Amino acid sequence: MANTYITEVVSVTTTGSNVLVFASDAKTIVRDVMIYAKGGAATVSVLYDDRATDAIVAKESLAADDTWRPFTTPLAMPTAHELKVNTSAEITVLITYVEFD
């Protein structure tokens, strides 16, 4: 059995809307999420969509070129659950996750 570690980088330029940055498959654990405020200050909300609601799970005001890790522990995500962000400025989201065989 081999587990696959995957890292994705998502650029978010849409402001004021909930933007999908990660959708889970079966047997997925998100190991780390890092958000980078590209060149300008940003207020960022991270939302968890459990297919019923988009609940804000973390919110932070970032200075220009600042980074933030909204989760302190890995996050097990059932199939078709999603992470979204809502931001006031352009950001980059780095997501590292594990897919289990």
N, C-alpha and C. Protein backbone atom coordinates (compact mmCIF):
# COMPACT_ATOMS: atom_id res chain seq x y z
N MET A 1 0.84 -1.17 0.00
CA MET A 1 0.00 0.00 0.00
C MET A 1 0.89 1.24 0.00
N ALA A 2 0.70 2.10 -0.96
CA ALA A 2 1.49 3.32 -1.05
C ALA A 2 0.58 4.53 -0.88
N ASN A 3 1.01 5.41 -0.02
CA ASN A 3 0.28 6.66 0.15
C ASN A 3 0.94 7.71 -0.73
N THR A 4 0.14 8.62 -1.26
CA THR A 4 0.65 9.64 -2.14
C THR A 4 0.54 11.01 -1.48
N TYR A 5 1.67 11.69 -1.32
CA TYR A 5 1.69 13.05 -0.81
C TYR A 5 1.67 14.00 -1.99
N ILE A 6 0.75 14.95 -1.97
CA ILE A 6 0.59 15.86 -3.10
C ILE A 6 0.59 17.29 -2.57
N THR A 7 1.26 18.18 -3.28
CA THR A 7 1.23 19.60 -2.94
C THR A 7 0.68 20.36 -4.14
N GLU A 8 -0.28 21.22 -3.87
CA GLU A 8 -0.87 22.05 -4.92
C GLU A 8 -0.74 23.51 -4.54
N VAL A 9 -0.55 24.35 -5.53
CA VAL A 9 -0.52 25.80 -5.33
C VAL A 9 -1.69 26.38 -6.10
N VAL A 10 -2.51 27.18 -5.39
CA VAL A 10 -3.68 27.80 -6.00
C VAL A 10 -3.57 29.31 -5.84
N SER A 11 -3.63 30.05 -6.94
CA SER A 11 -3.66 31.51 -6.87
C SER A 11 -5.11 31.96 -6.84
N VAL A 12 -5.43 32.84 -5.90
CA VAL A 12 -6.78 33.36 -5.75
C VAL A 12 -6.74 34.85 -6.01
N THR A 13 -7.42 35.27 -7.06
CA THR A 13 -7.45 36.69 -7.40
C THR A 13 -8.84 37.29 -7.22
N THR A 14 -9.85 36.44 -7.09
CA THR A 14 -11.22 36.91 -6.89
C THR A 14 -11.39 37.37 -5.46
N THR A 15 -11.89 38.57 -5.27
CA THR A 15 -12.09 39.08 -3.92
C THR A 15 -13.58 39.17 -3.61
N GLY A 16 -13.90 38.98 -2.33
CA GLY A 16 -15.27 39.13 -1.88
C GLY A 16 -16.19 37.97 -2.20
N SER A 17 -15.66 36.85 -2.70
CA SER A 17 -16.46 35.66 -3.00
C SER A 17 -15.77 34.44 -2.41
N ASN A 18 -16.55 33.41 -2.12
CA ASN A 18 -15.98 32.15 -1.67
C ASN A 18 -15.42 31.41 -2.87
N VAL A 19 -14.10 31.16 -2.84
CA VAL A 19 -13.41 30.53 -3.97
C VAL A 19 -12.91 29.15 -3.54
N LEU A 20 -13.26 28.13 -4.31
CA LEU A 20 -12.81 26.77 -4.04
C LEU A 20 -11.30 26.66 -4.22
N VAL A 21 -10.61 26.10 -3.21
CA VAL A 21 -9.17 25.85 -3.35
C VAL A 21 -8.82 24.38 -3.20
N PHE A 22 -9.74 23.57 -2.64
CA PHE A 22 -9.46 22.14 -2.50
C PHE A 22 -10.76 21.37 -2.35
N ALA A 23 -10.90 20.28 -3.11
CA ALA A 23 -12.02 19.36 -2.99
C ALA A 23 -11.46 17.97 -2.73
N SER A 24 -11.97 17.30 -1.70
CA SER A 24 -11.39 16.03 -1.29
C SER A 24 -11.96 14.85 -2.07
N ASP A 25 -11.12 13.83 -2.18
CA ASP A 25 -11.54 12.53 -2.68
C ASP A 25 -11.65 11.62 -1.47
N ALA A 26 -12.02 10.40 -1.69
CA ALA A 26 -12.07 9.44 -0.59
C ALA A 26 -10.68 9.26 0.01
N LYS A 27 -10.64 9.04 1.31
CA LYS A 27 -9.39 8.75 2.01
C LYS A 27 -8.36 9.85 1.85
N THR A 28 -8.72 11.09 2.20
CA THR A 28 -7.82 12.23 2.07
C THR A 28 -7.61 12.89 3.42
N ILE A 29 -6.37 13.22 3.73
CA ILE A 29 -6.04 14.02 4.90
C ILE A 29 -5.23 15.22 4.43
N VAL A 30 -5.72 16.39 4.74
CA VAL A 30 -4.98 17.61 4.44
C VAL A 30 -3.95 17.79 5.54
N ARG A 31 -2.67 17.75 5.18
CA ARG A 31 -1.58 17.83 6.15
C ARG A 31 -1.25 19.27 6.51
N ASP A 32 -1.34 20.18 5.53
CA ASP A 32 -0.93 21.56 5.78
C ASP A 32 -1.58 22.49 4.76
N VAL A 33 -1.96 23.66 5.23
CA VAL A 33 -2.44 24.73 4.36
C VAL A 33 -1.66 25.97 4.74
N MET A 34 -1.05 26.63 3.76
CA MET A 34 -0.33 27.88 4.00
C MET A 34 -0.87 28.92 3.03
N ILE A 35 -1.14 30.10 3.57
CA ILE A 35 -1.66 31.19 2.76
C ILE A 35 -0.64 32.32 2.76
N TYR A 36 -0.40 32.87 1.57
CA TYR A 36 0.59 33.93 1.38
C TYR A 36 -0.11 35.14 0.77
N ALA A 37 0.01 36.30 1.42
CA ALA A 37 -0.55 37.55 0.90
C ALA A 37 0.43 38.15 -0.09
N LYS A 38 0.13 38.02 -1.37
CA LYS A 38 1.04 38.40 -2.45
C LYS A 38 1.12 39.92 -2.60
N GLY A 39 2.09 40.52 -1.97
CA GLY A 39 2.38 41.93 -2.24
C GLY A 39 1.45 42.95 -1.62
N GLY A 40 0.36 42.53 -0.98
CA GLY A 40 -0.55 43.49 -0.37
C GLY A 40 -1.25 42.89 0.83
N ALA A 41 -1.68 43.76 1.73
CA ALA A 41 -2.40 43.30 2.92
C ALA A 41 -3.71 42.64 2.50
N ALA A 42 -4.14 41.64 3.26
CA ALA A 42 -5.37 40.92 2.93
C ALA A 42 -6.04 40.42 4.20
N THR A 43 -7.34 40.44 4.21
CA THR A 43 -8.12 39.75 5.22
C THR A 43 -8.62 38.47 4.56
N VAL A 44 -8.31 37.33 5.19
CA VAL A 44 -8.61 36.04 4.58
C VAL A 44 -9.46 35.20 5.53
N SER A 45 -10.56 34.67 5.00
CA SER A 45 -11.37 33.70 5.73
C SER A 45 -11.23 32.35 5.05
N VAL A 46 -11.05 31.30 5.85
CA VAL A 46 -11.02 29.94 5.32
C VAL A 46 -12.33 29.28 5.72
N LEU A 47 -13.00 28.69 4.72
CA LEU A 47 -14.29 28.07 4.95
C LEU A 47 -14.22 26.57 4.68
N TYR A 48 -14.98 25.82 5.46
CA TYR A 48 -15.08 24.37 5.26
C TYR A 48 -16.50 24.07 4.80
N ASP A 49 -16.63 23.49 3.62
CA ASP A 49 -17.93 23.15 3.06
C ASP A 49 -18.16 21.66 3.23
N ASP A 50 -19.12 21.31 4.09
CA ASP A 50 -19.43 19.91 4.35
C ASP A 50 -20.60 19.42 3.49
N ARG A 51 -20.89 20.11 2.41
CA ARG A 51 -21.96 19.84 1.46
C ARG A 51 -23.31 20.33 1.96
N ALA A 52 -23.33 20.93 3.17
CA ALA A 52 -24.56 21.52 3.69
C ALA A 52 -24.39 23.03 3.86
N THR A 53 -23.25 23.44 4.43
CA THR A 53 -22.98 24.86 4.66
C THR A 53 -21.51 25.17 4.44
N ASP A 54 -21.22 26.44 4.19
CA ASP A 54 -19.84 26.94 4.16
C ASP A 54 -19.60 27.62 5.50
N ALA A 55 -18.92 26.95 6.40
CA ALA A 55 -18.67 27.52 7.72
C ALA A 55 -17.26 28.11 7.78
N ILE A 56 -17.14 29.34 8.27
CA ILE A 56 -15.82 29.94 8.45
C ILE A 56 -15.14 29.25 9.62
N VAL A 57 -13.96 28.67 9.37
CA VAL A 57 -13.24 27.96 10.41
C VAL A 57 -12.02 28.74 10.90
N ALA A 58 -11.59 29.73 10.14
CA ALA A 58 -10.45 30.56 10.54
C ALA A 58 -10.49 31.87 9.75
N LYS A 59 -10.03 32.94 10.40
CA LYS A 59 -9.98 34.24 9.74
C LYS A 59 -8.76 35.00 10.26
N GLU A 60 -8.09 35.71 9.34
CA GLU A 60 -6.86 36.41 9.73
C GLU A 60 -6.66 37.63 8.85
N SER A 61 -6.12 38.69 9.44
CA SER A 61 -5.70 39.87 8.68
C SER A 61 -4.19 39.77 8.49
N LEU A 62 -3.76 39.72 7.24
CA LEU A 62 -2.35 39.53 6.92
C LEU A 62 -1.75 40.83 6.40
N ALA A 63 -0.52 41.09 6.79
CA ALA A 63 0.24 42.21 6.24
C ALA A 63 0.75 41.79 4.86
N ALA A 64 1.21 42.74 4.07
CA ALA A 64 1.77 42.43 2.76
C ALA A 64 2.91 41.43 2.90
N ASP A 65 2.92 40.44 2.03
CA ASP A 65 3.94 39.39 1.98
C ASP A 65 4.01 38.53 3.24
N ASP A 66 2.94 38.49 4.00
CA ASP A 66 2.86 37.69 5.22
C ASP A 66 2.33 36.30 4.87
N THR A 67 2.65 35.29 5.71
CA THR A 67 2.11 33.95 5.53
C THR A 67 1.32 33.56 6.78
N TRP A 68 0.41 32.61 6.60
CA TRP A 68 -0.45 32.17 7.70
C TRP A 68 -0.83 30.73 7.49
N ARG A 69 -0.79 29.96 8.56
CA ARG A 69 -1.26 28.57 8.56
C ARG A 69 -2.55 28.50 9.36
N PRO A 70 -3.71 28.36 8.69
CA PRO A 70 -4.98 28.39 9.40
C PRO A 70 -5.29 27.15 10.22
N PHE A 71 -4.59 26.02 9.98
CA PHE A 71 -4.85 24.79 10.72
C PHE A 71 -3.59 24.38 11.48
N THR A 72 -3.76 23.96 12.73
CA THR A 72 -2.62 23.53 13.53
C THR A 72 -2.43 22.02 13.51
N THR A 73 -3.43 21.29 13.06
CA THR A 73 -3.35 19.83 12.97
C THR A 73 -3.87 19.38 11.61
N PRO A 74 -3.51 18.17 11.19
CA PRO A 74 -4.05 17.65 9.93
C PRO A 74 -5.57 17.56 9.97
N LEU A 75 -6.18 17.62 8.80
CA LEU A 75 -7.63 17.68 8.68
C LEU A 75 -8.11 16.52 7.80
N ALA A 76 -8.82 15.55 8.41
CA ALA A 76 -9.40 14.46 7.64
C ALA A 76 -10.65 14.98 6.94
N MET A 77 -10.73 14.75 5.64
CA MET A 77 -11.85 15.28 4.85
C MET A 77 -12.58 14.15 4.14
N PRO A 78 -13.87 13.96 4.44
CA PRO A 78 -14.66 12.97 3.71
C PRO A 78 -14.79 13.35 2.23
N THR A 79 -15.25 12.42 1.44
CA THR A 79 -15.43 12.62 0.01
C THR A 79 -16.32 13.83 -0.27
N ALA A 80 -15.87 14.64 -1.22
CA ALA A 80 -16.61 15.80 -1.74
C ALA A 80 -16.73 16.97 -0.76
N HIS A 81 -16.01 16.94 0.33
CA HIS A 81 -15.95 18.13 1.19
C HIS A 81 -14.92 19.08 0.59
N GLU A 82 -15.07 20.38 0.87
CA GLU A 82 -14.24 21.37 0.21
C GLU A 82 -13.69 22.42 1.17
N LEU A 83 -12.53 22.95 0.82
CA LEU A 83 -11.98 24.13 1.47
C LEU A 83 -12.12 25.30 0.50
N LYS A 84 -12.57 26.42 1.02
CA LYS A 84 -12.72 27.63 0.22
C LYS A 84 -12.08 28.79 0.96
N VAL A 85 -11.74 29.84 0.23
CA VAL A 85 -11.24 31.06 0.86
C VAL A 85 -12.05 32.25 0.35
N ASN A 86 -12.13 33.25 1.18
CA ASN A 86 -12.72 34.53 0.82
C ASN A 86 -11.68 35.56 1.22
N THR A 87 -11.26 36.39 0.28
CA THR A 87 -10.14 37.27 0.52
C THR A 87 -10.40 38.69 0.02
N SER A 88 -9.73 39.64 0.64
CA SER A 88 -9.87 41.04 0.22
C SER A 88 -8.77 41.46 -0.75
N ALA A 89 -7.80 40.59 -1.00
CA ALA A 89 -6.69 40.88 -1.92
C ALA A 89 -6.17 39.56 -2.48
N GLU A 90 -5.32 39.64 -3.50
CA GLU A 90 -4.76 38.44 -4.13
C GLU A 90 -3.91 37.65 -3.14
N ILE A 91 -4.12 36.33 -3.12
CA ILE A 91 -3.34 35.45 -2.25
C ILE A 91 -2.92 34.20 -3.01
N THR A 92 -1.97 33.49 -2.45
CA THR A 92 -1.59 32.17 -2.94
C THR A 92 -1.82 31.18 -1.81
N VAL A 93 -2.42 30.03 -2.15
CA VAL A 93 -2.70 28.99 -1.16
C VAL A 93 -1.89 27.75 -1.53
N LEU A 94 -1.08 27.27 -0.59
CA LEU A 94 -0.29 26.06 -0.76
C LEU A 94 -0.94 24.98 0.09
N ILE A 95 -1.34 23.87 -0.54
CA ILE A 95 -2.03 22.80 0.16
C ILE A 95 -1.24 21.51 -0.01
N THR A 96 -0.92 20.85 1.10
CA THR A 96 -0.26 19.56 1.07
C THR A 96 -1.22 18.54 1.67
N TYR A 97 -1.47 17.47 0.92
CA TYR A 97 -2.40 16.47 1.41
C TYR A 97 -1.92 15.07 1.07
N VAL A 98 -2.56 14.08 1.72
CA VAL A 98 -2.21 12.68 1.53
C VAL A 98 -3.44 11.96 0.99
N GLU A 99 -3.25 11.19 -0.06
CA GLU A 99 -4.29 10.29 -0.55
C GLU A 99 -3.86 8.86 -0.20
N PHE A 100 -4.72 8.16 0.50
CA PHE A 100 -4.43 6.80 0.92
C PHE A 100 -4.94 5.80 -0.11
N ASP A 101 -4.13 4.77 -0.35
CA ASP A 101 -4.56 3.71 -1.28
C ASP A 101 -5.48 2.73 -0.57
